[in-house]
């Protein structure tokens, strides 16, 4: 197995991808692995959405240094060879004779990886919002691992998933709320100024402090709000980039857009005119933003909502 410059960076990262086919966004990749020397540091797995610049999503195993014969099960997004997001199963997987099988299904932001060694099987599911772009699928190894890989299978998925509410309601559905306001609690004072303007213009909205009360199930209420709102507004403020809740709220709808579902959309709105570009999440950076501090921009936004609600 060969890869990018035979291993580079702090992880000894190398990968090989299938460049014979066009890049794709959704699909499956699987393969069987045998580690040549399971007693030394090793890591290997499958990748998707990969490009030539070491940006990709990987599902892989690495040796568990605290338990001989076991491996950690991981999923990570890499940007230019550096991990920008990751998830790891708490329980390691027994790996017999250094042999295992990995499969990864990826559709929109939802990734599901399955690792199997002998009779032991485990699954890791994660919403990975950091690499939404189409790319190649293939294999990856870490720490200059010597590994034999066979039975490699790649498959592009073209069928678009259907949201539950889309299967139950007609396309002419009306939404109780025009906007779902996704925001960080740190930015709540700015969001209150926004809701004042929306109220004054007759725009309906869902915001947690008005819709969630003591004793309510928070996650259930948020899901109801997302389902009942025409647009999801990502309220970009100083605290937004640090909020995992915000990514979870807008991520599902945003990835439907990337997969071709455009009946609902995510609209970024800058609460603070001095917000630096580094505070804008990568997934939202190429979307046209509303500037709440710019009267012209915000008036155009209000006109858009009134014409498209």
C-alpha atoms as a PDB file:
ATOM      1  CA  UNK A   1       0.000   0.000   0.000  1.00  0.00           C
ATOM      2  CA  UNK A   2       1.472   3.296  -1.042  1.00  0.00           C
ATOM      3  CA  UNK A   3       0.341   6.803  -0.215  1.00  0.00           C
ATOM      4  CA  UNK A   4       1.089  10.496  -0.152  1.00  0.00           C
ATOM      5  CA  UNK A   5       4.895  10.841   0.008  1.00  0.00           C
ATOM      6  CA  UNK A   6       5.141   7.561   1.883  1.00  0.00           C
ATOM      7  CA  UNK A   7       4.021   9.117   5.157  1.00  0.00           C
ATOM      8  CA  UNK A   8       4.045  12.731   6.263  1.00  0.00           C
ATOM      9  CA  UNK A   9       3.353  14.905   9.288  1.00  0.00           C
ATOM     10  CA  UNK A  10       3.058  13.972  12.964  1.00  0.00           C
ATOM     11  CA  UNK A  11       0.959  10.886  12.167  1.00  0.00           C
ATOM     12  CA  UNK A  12       3.175   9.484   9.426  1.00  0.00           C
ATOM     13  CA  UNK A  13       0.112   9.970   7.231  1.00  0.00           C
ATOM     14  CA  UNK A  14      -0.131   8.310   3.831  1.00  0.00           C
ATOM     15  CA  UNK A  15      -3.131   7.476   1.713  1.00  0.00           C
ATOM     16  CA  UNK A  16      -4.126   6.176  -1.676  1.00  0.00           C
ATOM     17  CA  UNK A  17      -7.331   7.165  -3.449  1.00  0.00           C
ATOM     18  CA  UNK A  18      -9.207   6.087  -6.538  1.00  0.00           C
ATOM     19  CA  UNK A  19      -8.670   8.863  -9.074  1.00  0.00           C
ATOM     20  CA  UNK A  20      -9.992   6.802 -11.980  1.00  0.00           C
ATOM     21  CA  UNK A  21     -13.540   7.917 -11.151  1.00  0.00           C
ATOM     22  CA  UNK A  22     -14.929  11.402 -10.616  1.00  0.00           C
ATOM     23  CA  UNK A  23     -15.118  12.726  -7.016  1.00  0.00           C
ATOM     24  CA  UNK A  24     -18.413  12.014  -5.271  1.00  0.00           C
ATOM     25  CA  UNK A  25     -20.135  13.195  -2.089  1.00  0.00           C
ATOM     26  CA  UNK A  26     -22.119  10.147  -0.932  1.00  0.00           C
ATOM     27  CA  UNK A  27     -21.211   6.474  -0.944  1.00  0.00           C
ATOM     28  CA  UNK A  28     -19.583   3.477   0.741  1.00  0.00           C
ATOM     29  CA  UNK A  29     -16.017   2.233   1.023  1.00  0.00           C
ATOM     30  CA  UNK A  30     -14.826  -0.995   2.635  1.00  0.00           C
ATOM     31  CA  UNK A  31     -11.711  -3.190   2.788  1.00  0.00           C
ATOM     32  CA  UNK A  32      -9.961  -5.992   4.685  1.00  0.00           C
ATOM     33  CA  UNK A  33      -6.710  -5.194   6.509  1.00  0.00           C
ATOM     34  CA  UNK A  34      -3.819  -7.210   7.912  1.00  0.00           C
ATOM     35  CA  UNK A  35      -1.202  -5.382   9.965  1.00  0.00           C
ATOM     36  CA  UNK A  36       2.285  -6.794   9.380  1.00  0.00           C
ATOM     37  CA  UNK A  37       3.583  -5.949  12.870  1.00  0.00           C
ATOM     38  CA  UNK A  38       0.701  -5.446  15.350  1.00  0.00           C
ATOM     39  CA  UNK A  39       3.138  -5.009  18.262  1.00  0.00           C
ATOM     40  CA  UNK A  40       4.392  -1.601  17.125  1.00  0.00           C
ATOM     41  CA  UNK A  41       2.481   1.672  16.672  1.00  0.00           C
ATOM     42  CA  UNK A  42       0.056   1.270  13.790  1.00  0.00           C
ATOM     43  CA  UNK A  43      -3.064   2.718  12.264  1.00  0.00           C
ATOM     44  CA  UNK A  44      -5.031   2.018   9.078  1.00  0.00           C
ATOM     45  CA  UNK A  45      -8.476   2.556   7.638  1.00  0.00           C
ATOM     46  CA  UNK A  46     -10.694   3.815   4.852  1.00  0.00           C
ATOM     47  CA  UNK A  47     -11.221   7.377   3.634  1.00  0.00           C
ATOM     48  CA  UNK A  48     -13.797   9.386   1.709  1.00  0.00           C
ATOM     49  CA  UNK A  49     -14.038  12.930   0.318  1.00  0.00           C
ATOM     50  CA  UNK A  50     -10.279  12.913  -0.189  1.00  0.00           C
ATOM     51  CA  UNK A  51      -8.264  15.229  -2.403  1.00  0.00           C
ATOM     52  CA  UNK A  52      -4.603  15.582  -3.308  1.00  0.00           C
ATOM     53  CA  UNK A  53      -4.027  18.133  -0.541  1.00  0.00           C
ATOM     54  CA  UNK A  54      -4.446  15.734   2.416  1.00  0.00           C
ATOM     55  CA  UNK A  55      -8.028  16.786   3.149  1.00  0.00           C
ATOM     56  CA  UNK A  56     -10.396  13.884   3.785  1.00  0.00           C
ATOM     57  CA  UNK A  57     -12.569  12.010   6.282  1.00  0.00           C
ATOM     58  CA  UNK A  58     -11.202   8.753   7.687  1.00  0.00           C
ATOM     59  CA  UNK A  59     -12.603   5.792   9.601  1.00  0.00           C
ATOM     60  CA  UNK A  60      -9.724   3.806  11.037  1.00  0.00           C
ATOM     61  CA  UNK A  61      -8.221   1.709  13.812  1.00  0.00           C
ATOM     62  CA  UNK A  62      -5.103   2.528  15.810  1.00  0.00           C
ATOM     63  CA  UNK A  63      -3.309   0.318  18.287  1.00  0.00           C
ATOM     64  CA  UNK A  64      -4.469   0.763  21.884  1.00  0.00           C
ATOM     65  CA  UNK A  65      -1.222   1.342  23.824  1.00  0.00           C
ATOM     66  CA  UNK A  66      -2.946   0.460  27.081  1.00  0.00           C
ATOM     67  CA  UNK A  67      -4.309  -2.943  26.050  1.00  0.00           C
ATOM     68  CA  UNK A  68      -2.314  -5.488  24.067  1.00  0.00           C
ATOM     69  CA  UNK A  69      -4.292  -6.974  21.198  1.00  0.00           C
ATOM     70  CA  UNK A  70      -6.874  -4.176  21.179  1.00  0.00           C
ATOM     71  CA  UNK A  71      -7.409  -1.190  18.876  1.00  0.00           C
ATOM     72  CA  UNK A  72      -9.083   2.193  19.196  1.00  0.00           C
ATOM     73  CA  UNK A  73     -11.936   2.842  16.746  1.00  0.00           C
ATOM     74  CA  UNK A  74     -11.847   6.363  15.367  1.00  0.00           C
ATOM     75  CA  UNK A  75     -13.346   8.722  12.834  1.00  0.00           C
ATOM     76  CA  UNK A  76     -11.730  12.046  11.936  1.00  0.00           C
ATOM     77  CA  UNK A  77     -11.790  14.893   9.455  1.00  0.00           C
ATOM     78  CA  UNK A  78      -8.375  16.022   8.229  1.00  0.00           C
ATOM     79  CA  UNK A  79      -7.592  19.389   6.698  1.00  0.00           C
ATOM     80  CA  UNK A  80      -4.208  19.522   4.950  1.00  0.00           C
ATOM     81  CA  UNK A  81      -3.040  16.616   7.096  1.00  0.00           C
ATOM     82  CA  UNK A  82      -4.222  17.997  10.442  1.00  0.00           C
ATOM     83  CA  UNK A  83      -7.159  16.663  12.447  1.00  0.00           C
ATOM     84  CA  UNK A  84      -9.927  19.266  12.708  1.00  0.00           C
ATOM     85  CA  UNK A  85     -12.667  17.045  14.183  1.00  0.00           C
ATOM     86  CA  UNK A  86     -12.771  13.522  15.557  1.00  0.00           C
ATOM     87  CA  UNK A  87     -14.830  10.915  17.370  1.00  0.00           C
ATOM     88  CA  UNK A  88     -13.593   7.815  19.208  1.00  0.00           C
ATOM     89  CA  UNK A  89     -15.458   4.871  20.693  1.00  0.00           C
ATOM     90  CA  UNK A  90     -14.917   4.561  24.418  1.00  0.00           C
ATOM     91  CA  UNK A  91     -14.510   0.785  24.214  1.00  0.00           C
ATOM     92  CA  UNK A  92     -11.594  -0.579  22.192  1.00  0.00           C
ATOM     93  CA  UNK A  93     -11.970  -3.482  19.769  1.00  0.00           C
ATOM     94  CA  UNK A  94     -10.062  -6.777  20.128  1.00  0.00           C
ATOM     95  CA  UNK A  95      -8.005  -7.304  16.957  1.00  0.00           C
ATOM     96  CA  UNK A  96      -6.903 -10.871  16.447  1.00  0.00           C
ATOM     97  CA  UNK A  97      -3.655 -11.432  14.532  1.00  0.00           C
ATOM     98  CA  UNK A  98      -3.778  -7.835  13.334  1.00  0.00           C
ATOM     99  CA  UNK A  99      -6.660  -8.589  10.943  1.00  0.00           C
ATOM    100  CA  UNK A 100      -9.898  -6.622  10.614  1.00  0.00           C
ATOM    101  CA  UNK A 101     -12.531  -5.409   8.179  1.00  0.00           C
ATOM    102  CA  UNK A 102     -13.724  -1.797   7.949  1.00  0.00           C
ATOM    103  CA  UNK A 103     -16.657  -0.267   6.108  1.00  0.00           C
ATOM    104  CA  UNK A 104     -17.788   3.353   5.991  1.00  0.00           C
ATOM    105  CA  UNK A 105     -21.092   4.680   4.697  1.00  0.00           C
ATOM    106  CA  UNK A 106     -21.216   8.439   4.162  1.00  0.00           C
ATOM    107  CA  UNK A 107     -24.242  10.449   3.099  1.00  0.00           C
ATOM    108  CA  UNK A 108     -24.396  14.196   3.598  1.00  0.00           C
ATOM    109  CA  UNK A 109     -22.932  14.837   7.053  1.00  0.00           C
ATOM    110  CA  UNK A 110     -23.957  11.486   8.470  1.00  0.00           C
ATOM    111  CA  UNK A 111     -21.184   8.887   8.622  1.00  0.00           C
ATOM    112  CA  UNK A 112     -21.529   5.336   9.887  1.00  0.00           C
ATOM    113  CA  UNK A 113     -18.460   3.138  10.247  1.00  0.00           C
ATOM    114  CA  UNK A 114     -18.398  -0.561  11.092  1.00  0.00           C
ATOM    115  CA  UNK A 115     -15.289  -2.371  12.356  1.00  0.00           C
ATOM    116  CA  UNK A 116     -15.139  -6.163  12.546  1.00  0.00           C
ATOM    117  CA  UNK A 117     -12.419  -8.511  13.759  1.00  0.00           C
ATOM    118  CA  UNK A 118     -13.254 -12.180  14.178  1.00  0.00           C
ATOM    119  CA  UNK A 119     -16.610 -12.402  15.946  1.00  0.00           C
ATOM    120  CA  UNK A 120     -16.367  -8.895  17.388  1.00  0.00           C
ATOM    121  CA  UNK A 121     -18.154  -6.056  15.631  1.00  0.00           C
ATOM    122  CA  UNK A 122     -18.650  -2.431  16.618  1.00  0.00           C
ATOM    123  CA  UNK A 123     -20.208   0.616  14.986  1.00  0.00           C
ATOM    124  CA  UNK A 124     -19.360   4.313  15.196  1.00  0.00           C
ATOM    125  CA  UNK A 125     -21.898   6.850  13.880  1.00  0.00           C
ATOM    126  CA  UNK A 126     -21.091  10.547  13.793  1.00  0.00           C
ATOM    127  CA  UNK A 127     -22.237  13.778  12.151  1.00  0.00           C
ATOM    128  CA  UNK A 128     -19.054  15.096  10.549  1.00  0.00           C
ATOM    129  CA  UNK A 129     -19.695  18.659   9.385  1.00  0.00           C
ATOM    130  CA  UNK A 130     -16.135  19.683   8.542  1.00  0.00           C
ATOM    131  CA  UNK A 131     -15.607  18.186   5.045  1.00  0.00           C
ATOM    132  CA  UNK A 132     -18.789  18.567   2.988  1.00  0.00           C
ATOM    133  CA  UNK A 133     -17.190  18.557  -0.428  1.00  0.00           C
ATOM    134  CA  UNK A 134     -17.111  15.800  -3.000  1.00  0.00           C
ATOM    135  CA  UNK A 135     -13.880  13.796  -3.102  1.00  0.00           C
ATOM    136  CA  UNK A 136     -12.332  10.414  -3.781  1.00  0.00           C
ATOM    137  CA  UNK A 137     -12.563   7.276  -1.646  1.00  0.00           C
ATOM    138  CA  UNK A 138      -9.670   5.015  -0.738  1.00  0.00           C
ATOM    139  CA  UNK A 139      -7.353   3.853   2.055  1.00  0.00           C
ATOM    140  CA  UNK A 140      -5.199   5.466   4.704  1.00  0.00           C
ATOM    141  CA  UNK A 141      -2.385   4.398   7.019  1.00  0.00           C
ATOM    142  CA  UNK A 142      -0.571   6.079   9.914  1.00  0.00           C
ATOM    143  CA  UNK A 143       2.818   5.824  11.642  1.00  0.00           C
ATOM    144  CA  UNK A 144       4.479   4.179   8.600  1.00  0.00           C
ATOM    145  CA  UNK A 145       2.347   1.112   9.198  1.00  0.00           C
ATOM    146  CA  UNK A 146       3.098  -1.924   7.083  1.00  0.00           C
ATOM    147  CA  UNK A 147      -0.275  -3.279   6.026  1.00  0.00           C
ATOM    148  CA  UNK A 148      -1.789  -5.607   3.448  1.00  0.00           C
ATOM    149  CA  UNK A 149      -5.196  -4.531   2.127  1.00  0.00           C
ATOM    150  CA  UNK A 150      -7.554  -6.569  -0.045  1.00  0.00           C
ATOM    151  CA  UNK A 151     -11.226  -6.812  -1.066  1.00  0.00           C
ATOM    152  CA  UNK A 152     -11.447  -3.037  -1.543  1.00  0.00           C
ATOM    153  CA  UNK A 153     -14.952  -1.961  -2.535  1.00  0.00           C
ATOM    154  CA  UNK A 154     -16.092   1.538  -3.515  1.00  0.00           C
ATOM    155  CA  UNK A 155     -19.658   2.527  -4.265  1.00  0.00           C
ATOM    156  CA  UNK A 156     -21.260   5.881  -5.022  1.00  0.00           C
ATOM    157  CA  UNK A 157     -24.757   6.423  -3.621  1.00  0.00           C
ATOM    158  CA  UNK A 158     -27.047   8.585  -5.721  1.00  0.00           C
ATOM    159  CA  UNK A 159     -30.377   8.150  -3.928  1.00  0.00           C
ATOM    160  CA  UNK A 160     -31.256  11.152  -1.799  1.00  0.00           C
ATOM    161  CA  UNK A 161     -32.617  10.373   1.695  1.00  0.00           C
ATOM    162  CA  UNK A 162     -36.074  11.664   2.533  1.00  0.00           C
ATOM    163  CA  UNK A 163     -36.646  13.620   5.718  1.00  0.00           C
ATOM    164  CA  UNK A 164     -39.514  12.148   7.762  1.00  0.00           C
ATOM    165  CA  UNK A 165     -41.563  15.330   7.485  1.00  0.00           C
ATOM    166  CA  UNK A 166     -41.093  15.367   3.710  1.00  0.00           C
ATOM    167  CA  UNK A 167     -42.647  11.916   3.455  1.00  0.00           C
ATOM    168  CA  UNK A 168     -45.663  12.906   5.535  1.00  0.00           C
ATOM    169  CA  UNK A 169     -46.602  16.354   4.230  1.00  0.00           C
ATOM    170  CA  UNK A 170     -47.254  17.772   0.741  1.00  0.00           C
ATOM    171  CA  UNK A 171     -44.687  20.004  -0.993  1.00  0.00           C
ATOM    172  CA  UNK A 172     -46.972  22.989  -0.353  1.00  0.00           C
ATOM    173  CA  UNK A 173     -46.433  22.671   3.402  1.00  0.00           C
ATOM    174  CA  UNK A 174     -46.744  25.839   5.420  1.00  0.00           C
ATOM    175  CA  UNK A 175     -44.420  26.313   8.374  1.00  0.00           C
ATOM    176  CA  UNK A 176     -45.539  27.716  11.758  1.00  0.00           C
ATOM    177  CA  UNK A 177     -42.252  29.638  11.931  1.00  0.00           C
ATOM    178  CA  UNK A 178     -40.370  31.403   9.177  1.00  0.00           C
ATOM    179  CA  UNK A 179     -37.014  31.239  10.987  1.00  0.00           C
ATOM    180  CA  UNK A 180     -35.246  28.959  13.428  1.00  0.00           C
ATOM    181  CA  UNK A 181     -32.593  31.031  15.200  1.00  0.00           C
ATOM    182  CA  UNK A 182     -29.518  28.913  15.913  1.00  0.00           C
ATOM    183  CA  UNK A 183     -27.257  30.838  18.278  1.00  0.00           C
ATOM    184  CA  UNK A 184     -24.787  30.582  21.116  1.00  0.00           C
ATOM    185  CA  UNK A 185     -25.991  31.429  24.615  1.00  0.00           C
ATOM    186  CA  UNK A 186     -23.067  33.863  24.817  1.00  0.00           C
ATOM    187  CA  UNK A 187     -24.651  35.867  21.984  1.00  0.00           C
ATOM    188  CA  UNK A 188     -28.143  36.037  23.496  1.00  0.00           C
ATOM    189  CA  UNK A 189     -28.154  39.854  24.039  1.00  0.00           C
ATOM    190  CA  UNK A 190     -27.518  40.396  20.328  1.00  0.00           C
ATOM    191  CA  UNK A 191     -30.129  37.785  19.397  1.00  0.00           C
ATOM    192  CA  UNK A 192     -32.741  39.629  21.477  1.00  0.00           C
ATOM    193  CA  UNK A 193     -32.122  42.752  19.417  1.00  0.00           C
ATOM    194  CA  UNK A 194     -32.629  40.619  16.306  1.00  0.00           C
ATOM    195  CA  UNK A 195     -35.930  39.180  17.553  1.00  0.00           C
ATOM    196  CA  UNK A 196     -37.174  42.690  18.332  1.00  0.00           C
ATOM    197  CA  UNK A 197     -36.634  43.644  14.687  1.00  0.00           C
ATOM    198  CA  UNK A 198     -38.279  40.451  13.445  1.00  0.00           C
ATOM    199  CA  UNK A 199     -41.328  41.033  15.629  1.00  0.00           C
ATOM    200  CA  UNK A 200     -41.633  44.601  14.400  1.00  0.00           C
ATOM    201  CA  UNK A 201     -41.736  43.328  10.822  1.00  0.00           C
ATOM    202  CA  UNK A 202     -44.191  40.500  11.419  1.00  0.00           C
ATOM    203  CA  UNK A 203     -41.634  37.693  10.854  1.00  0.00           C
ATOM    204  CA  UNK A 204     -42.341  34.544  12.872  1.00  0.00           C
ATOM    205  CA  UNK A 205     -39.368  32.823  14.462  1.00  0.00           C
ATOM    206  CA  UNK A 206     -38.405  30.027  16.836  1.00  0.00           C
ATOM    207  CA  UNK A 207     -35.864  30.811  19.549  1.00  0.00           C
ATOM    208  CA  UNK A 208     -35.118  28.612  22.532  1.00  0.00           C
ATOM    209  CA  UNK A 209     -35.661  31.085  25.367  1.00  0.00           C
ATOM    210  CA  UNK A 210     -39.212  31.760  24.154  1.00  0.00           C
ATOM    211  CA  UNK A 211     -40.149  28.195  23.223  1.00  0.00           C
ATOM    212  CA  UNK A 212     -38.470  26.052  25.898  1.00  0.00           C
ATOM    213  CA  UNK A 213     -39.777  26.198  29.452  1.00  0.00           C
ATOM    214  CA  UNK A 214     -38.926  24.491  32.751  1.00  0.00           C
ATOM    215  CA  UNK A 215     -39.465  20.739  32.570  1.00  0.00           C
ATOM    216  CA  UNK A 216     -39.449  20.574  28.753  1.00  0.00           C
ATOM    217  CA  UNK A 217     -37.292  18.007  26.986  1.00  0.00           C
ATOM    218  CA  UNK A 218     -34.735  20.280  25.346  1.00  0.00           C
ATOM    219  CA  UNK A 219     -33.667  18.065  22.438  1.00  0.00           C
ATOM    220  CA  UNK A 220     -37.250  17.180  21.555  1.00  0.00           C
ATOM    221  CA  UNK A 221     -38.276  20.831  21.569  1.00  0.00           C
ATOM    222  CA  UNK A 222     -35.330  21.786  19.347  1.00  0.00           C
ATOM    223  CA  UNK A 223     -36.232  19.028  16.876  1.00  0.00           C
ATOM    224  CA  UNK A 224     -39.804  20.315  16.799  1.00  0.00           C
ATOM    225  CA  UNK A 225     -38.535  23.828  16.132  1.00  0.00           C
ATOM    226  CA  UNK A 226     -36.314  22.696  13.269  1.00  0.00           C
ATOM    227  CA  UNK A 227     -39.136  20.711  11.703  1.00  0.00           C
ATOM    228  CA  UNK A 228     -41.582  23.624  11.999  1.00  0.00           C
ATOM    229  CA  UNK A 229     -39.288  26.342  10.570  1.00  0.00           C
ATOM    230  CA  UNK A 230     -38.891  27.325   6.922  1.00  0.00           C
ATOM    231  CA  UNK A 231     -35.303  28.573   7.243  1.00  0.00           C
ATOM    232  CA  UNK A 232     -32.505  27.959   9.736  1.00  0.00           C
ATOM    233  CA  UNK A 233     -30.601  31.146  10.545  1.00  0.00           C
ATOM    234  CA  UNK A 234     -27.077  30.630  11.861  1.00  0.00           C
ATOM    235  CA  UNK A 235     -26.607  33.681  14.098  1.00  0.00           C
ATOM    236  CA  UNK A 236     -22.882  34.373  13.805  1.00  0.00           C
ATOM    237  CA  UNK A 237     -21.566  36.056  16.923  1.00  0.00           C
ATOM    238  CA  UNK A 238     -18.445  35.871  19.101  1.00  0.00           C
ATOM    239  CA  UNK A 239     -19.624  32.637  20.755  1.00  0.00           C
ATOM    240  CA  UNK A 240     -21.042  30.835  17.718  1.00  0.00           C
ATOM    241  CA  UNK A 241     -17.910  29.008  16.544  1.00  0.00           C
ATOM    242  CA  UNK A 242     -17.424  27.451  19.992  1.00  0.00           C
ATOM    243  CA  UNK A 243     -20.948  26.058  20.189  1.00  0.00           C
ATOM    244  CA  UNK A 244     -21.389  22.362  19.435  1.00  0.00           C
ATOM    245  CA  UNK A 245     -25.152  22.802  19.828  1.00  0.00           C
ATOM    246  CA  UNK A 246     -25.217  25.249  16.914  1.00  0.00           C
ATOM    247  CA  UNK A 247     -23.391  22.855  14.587  1.00  0.00           C
ATOM    248  CA  UNK A 248     -25.854  20.101  15.468  1.00  0.00           C
ATOM    249  CA  UNK A 249     -28.830  22.389  14.809  1.00  0.00           C
ATOM    250  CA  UNK A 250     -27.883  23.686  11.385  1.00  0.00           C
ATOM    251  CA  UNK A 251     -25.788  20.698  10.272  1.00  0.00           C
ATOM    252  CA  UNK A 252     -28.610  18.347   9.286  1.00  0.00           C
ATOM    253  CA  UNK A 253     -30.390  20.918   7.103  1.00  0.00           C
ATOM    254  CA  UNK A 254     -27.138  22.194   5.600  1.00  0.00           C
ATOM    255  CA  UNK A 255     -26.083  18.733   4.500  1.00  0.00           C
ATOM    256  CA  UNK A 256     -29.446  18.186   2.841  1.00  0.00           C
ATOM    257  CA  UNK A 257     -28.535  21.204   0.721  1.00  0.00           C
ATOM    258  CA  UNK A 258     -25.178  19.667  -0.213  1.00  0.00           C
ATOM    259  CA  UNK A 259     -27.007  16.487  -1.279  1.00  0.00           C
ATOM    260  CA  UNK A 260     -29.423  18.386  -3.517  1.00  0.00           C
ATOM    261  CA  UNK A 261     -32.370  19.126  -1.209  1.00  0.00           C
ATOM    262  CA  UNK A 262     -32.936  22.871  -1.532  1.00  0.00           C
ATOM    263  CA  UNK A 263     -36.520  23.317  -0.310  1.00  0.00           C
ATOM    264  CA  UNK A 264     -35.072  24.377   3.039  1.00  0.00           C
ATOM    265  CA  UNK A 265     -31.833  26.227   3.561  1.00  0.00           C
ATOM    266  CA  UNK A 266     -29.386  27.574   6.127  1.00  0.00           C
ATOM    267  CA  UNK A 267     -28.846  31.355   6.084  1.00  0.00           C
ATOM    268  CA  UNK A 268     -25.844  32.816   7.947  1.00  0.00           C
ATOM    269  CA  UNK A 269     -26.507  36.131   9.698  1.00  0.00           C
ATOM    270  CA  UNK A 270     -23.703  38.208  11.218  1.00  0.00           C
ATOM    271  CA  UNK A 271     -24.879  39.683  14.512  1.00  0.00           C
ATOM    272  CA  UNK A 272     -21.754  41.767  14.991  1.00  0.00           C
ATOM    273  CA  UNK A 273     -20.319  43.858  12.160  1.00  0.00           C
ATOM    274  CA  UNK A 274     -16.813  43.412  13.553  1.00  0.00           C
ATOM    275  CA  UNK A 275     -16.976  39.607  13.419  1.00  0.00           C
ATOM    276  CA  UNK A 276     -13.650  38.318  11.989  1.00  0.00           C
ATOM    277  CA  UNK A 277     -13.720  35.910   9.054  1.00  0.00           C
ATOM    278  CA  UNK A 278     -12.047  33.253  11.214  1.00  0.00           C
ATOM    279  CA  UNK A 279     -15.203  33.140  13.351  1.00  0.00           C
ATOM    280  CA  UNK A 280     -17.296  31.966  10.393  1.00  0.00           C
ATOM    281  CA  UNK A 281     -17.514  28.147  10.188  1.00  0.00           C
ATOM    282  CA  UNK A 282     -15.994  26.721   7.012  1.00  0.00           C
ATOM    283  CA  UNK A 283     -19.291  25.206   5.888  1.00  0.00           C
ATOM    284  CA  UNK A 284     -20.944  28.632   5.926  1.00  0.00           C
ATOM    285  CA  UNK A 285     -18.048  30.665   4.544  1.00  0.00           C
ATOM    286  CA  UNK A 286     -19.171  30.547   0.901  1.00  0.00           C
ATOM    287  CA  UNK A 287     -22.813  31.379   1.614  1.00  0.00           C
ATOM    288  CA  UNK A 288     -24.154  34.903   1.170  1.00  0.00           C
ATOM    289  CA  UNK A 289     -24.509  36.357   4.668  1.00  0.00           C
ATOM    290  CA  UNK A 290     -26.948  38.828   6.154  1.00  0.00           C
ATOM    291  CA  UNK A 291     -25.310  41.660   8.118  1.00  0.00           C
ATOM    292  CA  UNK A 292     -27.579  42.682  10.970  1.00  0.00           C
ATOM    293  CA  UNK A 293     -25.570  45.878  11.492  1.00  0.00           C
ATOM    294  CA  UNK A 294     -25.979  46.951   7.858  1.00  0.00           C
ATOM    295  CA  UNK A 295     -29.459  48.489   7.289  1.00  0.00           C
ATOM    296  CA  UNK A 296     -29.388  47.783   3.552  1.00  0.00           C
ATOM    297  CA  UNK A 297     -28.410  44.135   4.006  1.00  0.00           C
ATOM    298  CA  UNK A 298     -30.987  43.522   6.728  1.00  0.00           C
ATOM    299  CA  UNK A 299     -33.796  45.273   4.820  1.00  0.00           C
ATOM    300  CA  UNK A 300     -33.082  43.083   1.798  1.00  0.00           C
ATOM    301  CA  UNK A 301     -33.239  40.058   4.077  1.00  0.00           C
ATOM    302  CA  UNK A 302     -36.624  41.126   5.462  1.00  0.00           C
ATOM    303  CA  UNK A 303     -37.947  41.630   1.935  1.00  0.00           C
ATOM    304  CA  UNK A 304     -36.708  38.160   0.979  1.00  0.00           C
ATOM    305  CA  UNK A 305     -38.491  36.585   3.957  1.00  0.00           C
ATOM    306  CA  UNK A 306     -41.768  38.358   3.229  1.00  0.00           C
ATOM    307  CA  UNK A 307     -41.675  37.225  -0.400  1.00  0.00           C
ATOM    308  CA  UNK A 308     -40.669  33.624   0.321  1.00  0.00           C
ATOM    309  CA  UNK A 309     -42.391  32.695   3.583  1.00  0.00           C
END
